[in-house]
Amino acid sequence: MTDRSNSIKIRADRMDEEMDGIASGLSNVICKDGQTTITANIPFNNRKITGLGDATAAADALNRQTGDARYLQLPSALTALTDLADGDIFGVYDLSATADRGVTYASLKTELTTDFRADGRLFSSGVATIFYQATAPTGWTKNATAALNDAAIRTVTDTNGGSTGGSAGFTTAFASRTITQANLPSVTWSDTLSATTGITNGTLVHRAGTATDLGGGSGSGYIDITRATLTASTTVNGSVTSGGSGEALSFAVKYANMIHCTKD
């Protein structure tokens, strides 16, 4: 404008300086087609970058959508996962390395199982216990050993735990049965049962009193009486044996059926 007002024609020496200024200004702008490269941090003065695409590369900026998915700040806004696969990866912060890391679901299960077993929170493989149900729960195998079928439980304080014993099954030993002659032991008495009571001949019986109470006597204050006859005997002939129809006695103890299982 100054050159025009002063009637100065367009000359190359004067245009070069003007164009250099324009070029210097354009070199500091951000081109929408990505031609320019940012050379310093840009203060956005609390303004938003809108319409930012989802991050795909490691150095891409995160919009809110990809940020929420990566750091789970708003898990309620995410699509629910109904089944975890061993290859699924969880994001974790590795405190020892002070860095973000990823752990697969398979590795997480192994790590938690190992730690929980060490803490006594989980059963180790091979541990045996009983369950009040018909089939073994997931992760357990039902023990079909014949010695454990129809068997009672006995607690011991020695080193015999985990073993079996006895021969009669529970339902056989504890069943309703009738007490009859066949159930009782045989008892036979001898043919003659005898009992003798009395005082044998010649035994002196002393009675308290004076010598004149019954007349005579060898002891002062006592009367000596000689027993003349005294033996009395009772004889029982025959035998005694067990018998009778008896009555039913119930040994059918109430029970709960359990299964014996070992941890896989």
C-alpha atoms as a PDB file:
ATOM      1  CA  MET A   1       0.000   0.000   0.000  1.00  0.00           C
ATOM      2  CA  THR A   2       2.901   2.306   0.765  1.00  0.00           C
ATOM      3  CA  ASP A   3       4.578   1.623  -2.595  1.00  0.00           C
ATOM      4  CA  ARG A   4       1.310   2.235  -4.413  1.00  0.00           C
ATOM      5  CA  SER A   5       0.700   5.533  -2.662  1.00  0.00           C
ATOM      6  CA  ASN A   6       4.217   6.616  -3.575  1.00  0.00           C
ATOM      7  CA  SER A   7       3.810   5.449  -7.210  1.00  0.00           C
ATOM      8  CA  ILE A   8       6.536   2.854  -6.830  1.00  0.00           C
ATOM      9  CA  LYS A   9       6.199   0.041  -9.357  1.00  0.00           C
ATOM     10  CA  ILE A  10       6.355  -3.628  -8.484  1.00  0.00           C
ATOM     11  CA  ARG A  11       9.980  -4.697  -8.368  1.00  0.00           C
ATOM     12  CA  ALA A  12      11.552  -8.043  -7.575  1.00  0.00           C
ATOM     13  CA  ASP A  13      13.842  -6.654  -4.918  1.00  0.00           C
ATOM     14  CA  ARG A  14      10.895  -5.265  -3.006  1.00  0.00           C
ATOM     15  CA  MET A  15       8.608  -8.339  -3.555  1.00  0.00           C
ATOM     16  CA  ASP A  16      11.237 -10.790  -2.291  1.00  0.00           C
ATOM     17  CA  GLU A  17      11.161  -9.270   1.165  1.00  0.00           C
ATOM     18  CA  GLU A  18       7.353  -9.381   1.246  1.00  0.00           C
ATOM     19  CA  MET A  19       7.176 -12.974   0.099  1.00  0.00           C
ATOM     20  CA  ASP A  20       9.809 -14.013   2.606  1.00  0.00           C
ATOM     21  CA  GLY A  21       7.594 -12.669   5.358  1.00  0.00           C
ATOM     22  CA  ILE A  22       4.576 -14.570   4.047  1.00  0.00           C
ATOM     23  CA  ALA A  23       6.590 -17.770   3.762  1.00  0.00           C
ATOM     24  CA  SER A  24       7.858 -17.352   7.304  1.00  0.00           C
ATOM     25  CA  GLY A  25       4.286 -17.008   8.555  1.00  0.00           C
ATOM     26  CA  LEU A  26       3.000 -20.027   6.615  1.00  0.00           C
ATOM     27  CA  SER A  27       5.798 -22.202   7.963  1.00  0.00           C
ATOM     28  CA  ASN A  28       4.352 -21.843  11.465  1.00  0.00           C
ATOM     29  CA  VAL A  29       0.803 -22.899  10.642  1.00  0.00           C
ATOM     30  CA  ILE A  30      -0.690 -26.428  10.958  1.00  0.00           C
ATOM     31  CA  CYS A  31      -1.887 -27.587   7.558  1.00  0.00           C
ATOM     32  CA  LYS A  32      -5.106 -29.575   7.438  1.00  0.00           C
ATOM     33  CA  ASP A  33      -3.645 -32.047   4.930  1.00  0.00           C
ATOM     34  CA  GLY A  34      -0.785 -32.988   7.265  1.00  0.00           C
ATOM     35  CA  GLN A  35       2.037 -31.346   5.295  1.00  0.00           C
ATOM     36  CA  THR A  36       3.573 -29.643   8.311  1.00  0.00           C
ATOM     37  CA  THR A  37       5.322 -31.268  11.267  1.00  0.00           C
ATOM     38  CA  ILE A  38       4.755 -29.986  14.772  1.00  0.00           C
ATOM     39  CA  THR A  39       8.019 -28.803  16.299  1.00  0.00           C
ATOM     40  CA  ALA A  40       6.886 -27.900  19.834  1.00  0.00           C
ATOM     41  CA  ASN A  41       4.157 -28.555  22.376  1.00  0.00           C
ATOM     42  CA  ILE A  42       0.906 -26.811  21.586  1.00  0.00           C
ATOM     43  CA  PRO A  43      -1.016 -25.155  24.421  1.00  0.00           C
ATOM     44  CA  PHE A  44      -4.708 -25.558  23.666  1.00  0.00           C
ATOM     45  CA  ASN A  45      -5.788 -23.133  26.363  1.00  0.00           C
ATOM     46  CA  ASN A  46      -8.354 -25.601  27.773  1.00  0.00           C
ATOM     47  CA  ARG A  47      -9.873 -26.155  24.354  1.00  0.00           C
ATOM     48  CA  LYS A  48     -11.013 -29.552  22.991  1.00  0.00           C
ATOM     49  CA  ILE A  49      -9.827 -31.460  19.983  1.00  0.00           C
ATOM     50  CA  THR A  50     -13.099 -32.704  18.569  1.00  0.00           C
ATOM     51  CA  GLY A  51     -13.736 -35.489  16.102  1.00  0.00           C
ATOM     52  CA  LEU A  52     -10.485 -37.321  16.932  1.00  0.00           C
ATOM     53  CA  GLY A  53     -10.385 -40.820  15.476  1.00  0.00           C
ATOM     54  CA  ASP A  54      -9.822 -44.001  17.487  1.00  0.00           C
ATOM     55  CA  ALA A  55      -6.214 -44.784  18.279  1.00  0.00           C
ATOM     56  CA  THR A  56      -4.693 -47.726  16.401  1.00  0.00           C
ATOM     57  CA  ALA A  57      -0.937 -47.292  16.682  1.00  0.00           C
ATOM     58  CA  ALA A  58       1.064 -47.135  19.891  1.00  0.00           C
ATOM     59  CA  ALA A  59       1.881 -43.424  19.392  1.00  0.00           C
ATOM     60  CA  ASP A  60      -1.683 -42.367  18.454  1.00  0.00           C
ATOM     61  CA  ALA A  61      -3.554 -39.913  20.672  1.00  0.00           C
ATOM     62  CA  LEU A  62      -6.520 -41.352  22.540  1.00  0.00           C
ATOM     63  CA  ASN A  63     -10.012 -40.019  22.219  1.00  0.00           C
ATOM     64  CA  ARG A  64     -12.413 -40.652  25.076  1.00  0.00           C
ATOM     65  CA  GLN A  65     -13.828 -43.769  23.472  1.00  0.00           C
ATOM     66  CA  THR A  66     -10.498 -45.562  23.126  1.00  0.00           C
ATOM     67  CA  GLY A  67      -9.301 -44.157  26.445  1.00  0.00           C
ATOM     68  CA  ASP A  68     -12.263 -45.587  28.318  1.00  0.00           C
ATOM     69  CA  ALA A  69     -11.788 -48.959  26.645  1.00  0.00           C
ATOM     70  CA  ARG A  70      -8.079 -49.053  27.469  1.00  0.00           C
ATOM     71  CA  TYR A  71      -8.178 -47.830  31.068  1.00  0.00           C
ATOM     72  CA  LEU A  72     -11.739 -48.885  32.039  1.00  0.00           C
ATOM     73  CA  GLN A  73     -12.614 -45.539  33.524  1.00  0.00           C
ATOM     74  CA  LEU A  74     -16.229 -46.044  32.477  1.00  0.00           C
ATOM     75  CA  PRO A  75     -16.757 -49.830  32.367  1.00  0.00           C
ATOM     76  CA  SER A  76     -20.531 -49.397  32.454  1.00  0.00           C
ATOM     77  CA  ALA A  77     -20.350 -47.850  28.989  1.00  0.00           C
ATOM     78  CA  LEU A  78     -18.613 -50.920  27.544  1.00  0.00           C
ATOM     79  CA  THR A  79     -20.199 -54.009  26.000  1.00  0.00           C
ATOM     80  CA  ALA A  80     -20.441 -56.791  28.589  1.00  0.00           C
ATOM     81  CA  LEU A  81     -18.224 -59.858  28.089  1.00  0.00           C
ATOM     82  CA  THR A  82     -20.102 -63.013  29.002  1.00  0.00           C
ATOM     83  CA  ASP A  83     -17.266 -65.537  28.593  1.00  0.00           C
ATOM     84  CA  LEU A  84     -13.543 -65.065  29.076  1.00  0.00           C
ATOM     85  CA  ALA A  85     -11.127 -66.890  26.786  1.00  0.00           C
ATOM     86  CA  ASP A  86      -7.630 -67.912  27.880  1.00  0.00           C
ATOM     87  CA  GLY A  87      -6.171 -65.522  25.308  1.00  0.00           C
ATOM     88  CA  ASP A  88      -8.066 -62.464  26.567  1.00  0.00           C
ATOM     89  CA  ILE A  89      -5.687 -59.845  27.975  1.00  0.00           C
ATOM     90  CA  PHE A  90      -6.096 -57.652  31.063  1.00  0.00           C
ATOM     91  CA  GLY A  91      -4.233 -54.389  31.431  1.00  0.00           C
ATOM     92  CA  VAL A  92      -2.226 -54.104  34.664  1.00  0.00           C
ATOM     93  CA  TYR A  93       0.326 -51.753  36.114  1.00  0.00           C
ATOM     94  CA  ASP A  94       3.568 -53.532  36.948  1.00  0.00           C
ATOM     95  CA  LEU A  95       4.750 -51.861  40.133  1.00  0.00           C
ATOM     96  CA  SER A  96       8.199 -53.446  40.018  1.00  0.00           C
ATOM     97  CA  ALA A  97       8.768 -52.256  36.462  1.00  0.00           C
ATOM     98  CA  THR A  98       6.768 -49.027  36.905  1.00  0.00           C
ATOM     99  CA  ALA A  99       5.138 -49.687  33.557  1.00  0.00           C
ATOM    100  CA  ASP A 100       1.876 -50.851  32.032  1.00  0.00           C
ATOM    101  CA  ARG A 101       1.723 -54.544  31.215  1.00  0.00           C
ATOM    102  CA  GLY A 102      -0.807 -57.046  29.885  1.00  0.00           C
ATOM    103  CA  VAL A 103      -1.669 -60.454  31.392  1.00  0.00           C
ATOM    104  CA  THR A 104      -3.672 -63.188  29.669  1.00  0.00           C
ATOM    105  CA  TYR A 105      -6.665 -64.744  31.380  1.00  0.00           C
ATOM    106  CA  ALA A 106      -4.890 -68.130  31.331  1.00  0.00           C
ATOM    107  CA  SER A 107      -1.867 -66.694  33.157  1.00  0.00           C
ATOM    108  CA  LEU A 108      -4.107 -64.864  35.613  1.00  0.00           C
ATOM    109  CA  LYS A 109      -5.946 -68.081  36.507  1.00  0.00           C
ATOM    110  CA  THR A 110      -2.672 -69.935  37.047  1.00  0.00           C
ATOM    111  CA  GLU A 111      -1.239 -67.147  39.188  1.00  0.00           C
ATOM    112  CA  LEU A 112      -4.336 -66.810  41.361  1.00  0.00           C
ATOM    113  CA  THR A 113      -4.701 -70.572  41.785  1.00  0.00           C
ATOM    114  CA  THR A 114      -1.058 -70.938  42.841  1.00  0.00           C
ATOM    115  CA  ASP A 115      -1.289 -68.090  45.332  1.00  0.00           C
ATOM    116  CA  PHE A 116      -4.632 -69.217  46.771  1.00  0.00           C
ATOM    117  CA  ARG A 117      -3.358 -72.759  47.270  1.00  0.00           C
ATOM    118  CA  ALA A 118      -0.254 -71.450  49.002  1.00  0.00           C
ATOM    119  CA  ASP A 119      -2.516 -69.432  51.314  1.00  0.00           C
ATOM    120  CA  GLY A 120      -4.706 -72.481  52.014  1.00  0.00           C
ATOM    121  CA  ARG A 121      -7.724 -70.978  50.257  1.00  0.00           C
ATOM    122  CA  LEU A 122      -8.000 -73.696  47.589  1.00  0.00           C
ATOM    123  CA  PHE A 123      -7.767 -77.508  47.583  1.00  0.00           C
ATOM    124  CA  SER A 124      -4.641 -78.957  46.017  1.00  0.00           C
ATOM    125  CA  SER A 125      -4.820 -81.763  43.469  1.00  0.00           C
ATOM    126  CA  GLY A 126      -5.466 -85.153  45.090  1.00  0.00           C
ATOM    127  CA  VAL A 127      -7.148 -83.818  48.239  1.00  0.00           C
ATOM    128  CA  ALA A 128     -10.115 -86.014  49.234  1.00  0.00           C
ATOM    129  CA  THR A 129     -13.394 -85.003  50.886  1.00  0.00           C
ATOM    130  CA  ILE A 130     -17.098 -85.897  50.889  1.00  0.00           C
ATOM    131  CA  PHE A 131     -20.071 -84.150  49.293  1.00  0.00           C
ATOM    132  CA  TYR A 132     -23.812 -84.367  49.980  1.00  0.00           C
ATOM    133  CA  GLN A 133     -24.854 -84.750  46.340  1.00  0.00           C
ATOM    134  CA  ALA A 134     -25.187 -87.435  43.679  1.00  0.00           C
ATOM    135  CA  THR A 135     -22.360 -86.462  41.326  1.00  0.00           C
ATOM    136  CA  ALA A 136     -18.926 -84.941  41.757  1.00  0.00           C
ATOM    137  CA  PRO A 137     -18.755 -81.139  41.417  1.00  0.00           C
ATOM    138  CA  THR A 138     -16.748 -79.571  38.628  1.00  0.00           C
ATOM    139  CA  GLY A 139     -13.028 -80.114  39.157  1.00  0.00           C
ATOM    140  CA  TRP A 140     -13.535 -83.235  41.312  1.00  0.00           C
ATOM    141  CA  THR A 141     -13.626 -86.970  40.539  1.00  0.00           C
ATOM    142  CA  LYS A 142     -15.983 -89.384  42.304  1.00  0.00           C
ATOM    143  CA  ASN A 143     -14.191 -92.280  44.030  1.00  0.00           C
ATOM    144  CA  ALA A 144     -15.825 -95.581  43.006  1.00  0.00           C
ATOM    145  CA  THR A 145     -13.685 -97.825  45.252  1.00  0.00           C
ATOM    146  CA  ALA A 146     -15.824-100.785  46.409  1.00  0.00           C
ATOM    147  CA  ALA A 147     -14.560-100.518  50.000  1.00  0.00           C
ATOM    148  CA  LEU A 148     -16.122 -97.048  50.268  1.00  0.00           C
ATOM    149  CA  ASN A 149     -19.589 -98.123  49.119  1.00  0.00           C
ATOM    150  CA  ASP A 150     -22.205 -98.625  51.871  1.00  0.00           C
ATOM    151  CA  ALA A 151     -19.585 -97.758  54.521  1.00  0.00           C
ATOM    152  CA  ALA A 152     -19.755 -95.718  57.718  1.00  0.00           C
ATOM    153  CA  ILE A 153     -17.313 -92.943  58.659  1.00  0.00           C
ATOM    154  CA  ARG A 154     -14.937 -93.471  61.570  1.00  0.00           C
ATOM    155  CA  THR A 155     -12.581 -90.790  62.911  1.00  0.00           C
ATOM    156  CA  VAL A 156      -9.143 -91.790  64.174  1.00  0.00           C
ATOM    157  CA  THR A 157      -6.265 -90.038  65.899  1.00  0.00           C
ATOM    158  CA  ASP A 158      -3.524 -92.373  64.654  1.00  0.00           C
ATOM    159  CA  THR A 159      -1.925 -92.655  61.212  1.00  0.00           C
ATOM    160  CA  ASN A 160      -4.641 -94.873  59.723  1.00  0.00           C
ATOM    161  CA  GLY A 161      -6.606 -92.002  58.223  1.00  0.00           C
ATOM    162  CA  GLY A 162      -7.452 -92.588  54.574  1.00  0.00           C
ATOM    163  CA  SER A 163      -7.828 -96.377  54.952  1.00  0.00           C
ATOM    164  CA  THR A 164     -10.832 -98.710  55.178  1.00  0.00           C
ATOM    165  CA  GLY A 165     -11.765-101.648  57.418  1.00  0.00           C
ATOM    166  CA  GLY A 166     -14.547-103.965  58.498  1.00  0.00           C
ATOM    167  CA  SER A 167     -16.591-106.332  56.347  1.00  0.00           C
ATOM    168  CA  ALA A 168     -20.326-105.785  57.005  1.00  0.00           C
ATOM    169  CA  GLY A 169     -21.989-103.076  54.953  1.00  0.00           C
ATOM    170  CA  PHE A 170     -23.760-100.215  56.718  1.00  0.00           C
ATOM    171  CA  THR A 171     -27.246-101.232  55.595  1.00  0.00           C
ATOM    172  CA  THR A 172     -26.535-104.863  56.500  1.00  0.00           C
ATOM    173  CA  ALA A 173     -25.346-104.101  60.025  1.00  0.00           C
ATOM    174  CA  PHE A 174     -28.055-101.543  60.681  1.00  0.00           C
ATOM    175  CA  ALA A 175     -31.233-103.247  59.498  1.00  0.00           C
ATOM    176  CA  SER A 176     -34.572-104.255  61.026  1.00  0.00           C
ATOM    177  CA  ARG A 177     -34.368-107.845  62.326  1.00  0.00           C
ATOM    178  CA  THR A 178     -36.439-110.193  64.537  1.00  0.00           C
ATOM    179  CA  ILE A 179     -34.867-111.737  67.659  1.00  0.00           C
ATOM    180  CA  THR A 180     -35.755-115.466  67.473  1.00  0.00           C
ATOM    181  CA  GLN A 181     -34.185-118.726  68.586  1.00  0.00           C
ATOM    182  CA  ALA A 182     -32.081-118.693  65.451  1.00  0.00           C
ATOM    183  CA  ASN A 183     -30.626-115.314  66.447  1.00  0.00           C
ATOM    184  CA  LEU A 184     -29.727-116.420  69.993  1.00  0.00           C
ATOM    185  CA  PRO A 185     -26.832-118.599  71.162  1.00  0.00           C
ATOM    186  CA  SER A 186     -27.754-122.189  72.173  1.00  0.00           C
ATOM    187  CA  VAL A 187     -27.740-122.775  75.957  1.00  0.00           C
ATOM    188  CA  THR A 188     -28.330-126.271  77.411  1.00  0.00           C
ATOM    189  CA  TRP A 189     -28.334-127.044  81.121  1.00  0.00           C
ATOM    190  CA  SER A 190     -27.296-130.376  82.610  1.00  0.00           C
ATOM    191  CA  ASP A 191     -30.053-132.974  83.125  1.00  0.00           C
ATOM    192  CA  THR A 192     -30.063-132.599  86.937  1.00  0.00           C
ATOM    193  CA  LEU A 193     -30.017-129.381  88.870  1.00  0.00           C
ATOM    194  CA  SER A 194     -29.645-129.877  92.669  1.00  0.00           C
ATOM    195  CA  ALA A 195     -29.385-127.565  95.607  1.00  0.00           C
ATOM    196  CA  THR A 196     -28.737-128.557  99.246  1.00  0.00           C
ATOM    197  CA  THR A 197     -29.687-126.393 102.171  1.00  0.00           C
ATOM    198  CA  GLY A 198     -29.633-126.996 105.911  1.00  0.00           C
ATOM    199  CA  ILE A 199     -27.245-127.751 108.750  1.00  0.00           C
ATOM    200  CA  THR A 200     -25.342-130.992 108.792  1.00  0.00           C
ATOM    201  CA  ASN A 201     -25.674-133.490 111.622  1.00  0.00           C
ATOM    202  CA  GLY A 202     -23.686-132.763 114.776  1.00  0.00           C
ATOM    203  CA  THR A 203     -23.418-129.014 114.317  1.00  0.00           C
ATOM    204  CA  LEU A 204     -23.665-127.125 117.588  1.00  0.00           C
ATOM    205  CA  VAL A 205     -26.054-124.231 117.622  1.00  0.00           C
ATOM    206  CA  HIS A 206     -25.474-121.731 120.368  1.00  0.00           C
ATOM    207  CA  ARG A 207     -28.376-119.818 121.847  1.00  0.00           C
ATOM    208  CA  ALA A 208     -27.861-116.870 124.121  1.00  0.00           C
ATOM    209  CA  GLY A 209     -29.209-117.300 127.655  1.00  0.00           C
ATOM    210  CA  THR A 210     -28.441-118.833 131.053  1.00  0.00           C
ATOM    211  CA  ALA A 211     -27.587-122.420 131.793  1.00  0.00           C
ATOM    212  CA  THR A 212     -31.056-123.020 133.284  1.00  0.00           C
ATOM    213  CA  ASP A 213     -33.028-121.659 130.307  1.00  0.00           C
ATOM    214  CA  LEU A 214     -33.197-125.014 128.551  1.00  0.00           C
ATOM    215  CA  GLY A 215     -31.383-127.052 131.135  1.00  0.00           C
ATOM    216  CA  GLY A 216     -27.768-127.982 131.096  1.00  0.00           C
ATOM    217  CA  GLY A 217     -25.111-126.835 128.710  1.00  0.00           C
ATOM    218  CA  SER A 218     -21.409-126.557 128.578  1.00  0.00           C
ATOM    219  CA  GLY A 219     -21.076-122.834 128.009  1.00  0.00           C
ATOM    220  CA  SER A 220     -21.693-120.194 130.591  1.00  0.00           C
ATOM    221  CA  GLY A 221     -24.606-118.071 129.375  1.00  0.00           C
ATOM    222  CA  TYR A 222     -25.214-120.295 126.291  1.00  0.00           C
ATOM    223  CA  ILE A 223     -27.319-123.359 125.656  1.00  0.00           C
ATOM    224  CA  ASP A 224     -25.685-125.931 123.399  1.00  0.00           C
ATOM    225  CA  ILE A 225     -28.167-127.618 121.122  1.00  0.00           C
ATOM    226  CA  THR A 226     -27.174-130.453 118.885  1.00  0.00           C
ATOM    227  CA  ARG A 227     -28.986-130.484 115.534  1.00  0.00           C
ATOM    228  CA  ALA A 228     -30.160-133.994 114.890  1.00  0.00           C
ATOM    229  CA  THR A 229     -31.486-133.916 111.304  1.00  0.00           C
ATOM    230  CA  LEU A 230     -31.077-131.036 108.895  1.00  0.00           C
ATOM    231  CA  THR A 231     -30.238-131.823 105.293  1.00  0.00           C
ATOM    232  CA  ALA A 232     -32.778-130.608 102.692  1.00  0.00           C
ATOM    233  CA  SER A 233     -32.217-131.235  99.005  1.00  0.00           C
ATOM    234  CA  THR A 234     -34.100-130.126  95.882  1.00  0.00           C
ATOM    235  CA  THR A 235     -33.568-131.900  92.584  1.00  0.00           C
ATOM    236  CA  VAL A 236     -34.694-130.523  89.160  1.00  0.00           C
ATOM    237  CA  ASN A 237     -34.631-132.914  86.228  1.00  0.00           C
ATOM    238  CA  GLY A 238     -34.761-131.798  82.579  1.00  0.00           C
ATOM    239  CA  SER A 239     -33.096-129.241  80.299  1.00  0.00           C
ATOM    240  CA  VAL A 240     -33.518-125.566  79.331  1.00  0.00           C
ATOM    241  CA  THR A 241     -33.010-124.391  75.741  1.00  0.00           C
ATOM    242  CA  SER A 242     -33.562-121.105  73.930  1.00  0.00           C
ATOM    243  CA  GLY A 243     -36.740-120.590  72.005  1.00  0.00           C
ATOM    244  CA  GLY A 244     -39.715-118.374  71.297  1.00  0.00           C
ATOM    245  CA  SER A 245     -40.821-116.336  68.304  1.00  0.00           C
ATOM    246  CA  GLY A 246     -39.316-113.024  69.483  1.00  0.00           C
ATOM    247  CA  GLU A 247     -40.142-109.492  68.356  1.00  0.00           C
ATOM    248  CA  ALA A 248     -38.752-107.298  65.572  1.00  0.00           C
ATOM    249  CA  LEU A 249     -36.088-104.814  66.736  1.00  0.00           C
ATOM    250  CA  SER A 250     -35.252-101.954  64.381  1.00  0.00           C
ATOM    251  CA  PHE A 251     -31.581-101.161  63.842  1.00  0.00           C
ATOM    252  CA  ALA A 252     -32.372 -99.108  60.712  1.00  0.00           C
ATOM    253  CA  VAL A 253     -30.434 -95.987  61.738  1.00  0.00           C
ATOM    254  CA  LYS A 254     -31.194 -92.851  59.700  1.00  0.00           C
ATOM    255  CA  TYR A 255     -28.381 -91.853  57.376  1.00  0.00           C
ATOM    256  CA  ALA A 256     -27.447 -89.382  54.647  1.00  0.00           C
ATOM    257  CA  ASN A 257     -25.827 -90.659  51.455  1.00  0.00           C
ATOM    258  CA  MET A 258     -22.540 -88.911  50.682  1.00  0.00           C
ATOM    259  CA  ILE A 259     -20.007 -89.342  47.874  1.00  0.00           C
ATOM    260  CA  HIS A 260     -16.229 -89.473  48.272  1.00  0.00           C
ATOM    261  CA  CYS A 261     -14.307 -87.326  45.773  1.00  0.00           C
ATOM    262  CA  THR A 262     -10.721 -86.267  45.069  1.00  0.00           C
ATOM    263  CA  LYS A 263      -9.618 -82.925  43.607  1.00  0.00           C
ATOM    264  CA  ASP A 264      -8.495 -83.042  39.990  1.00  0.00           C
END
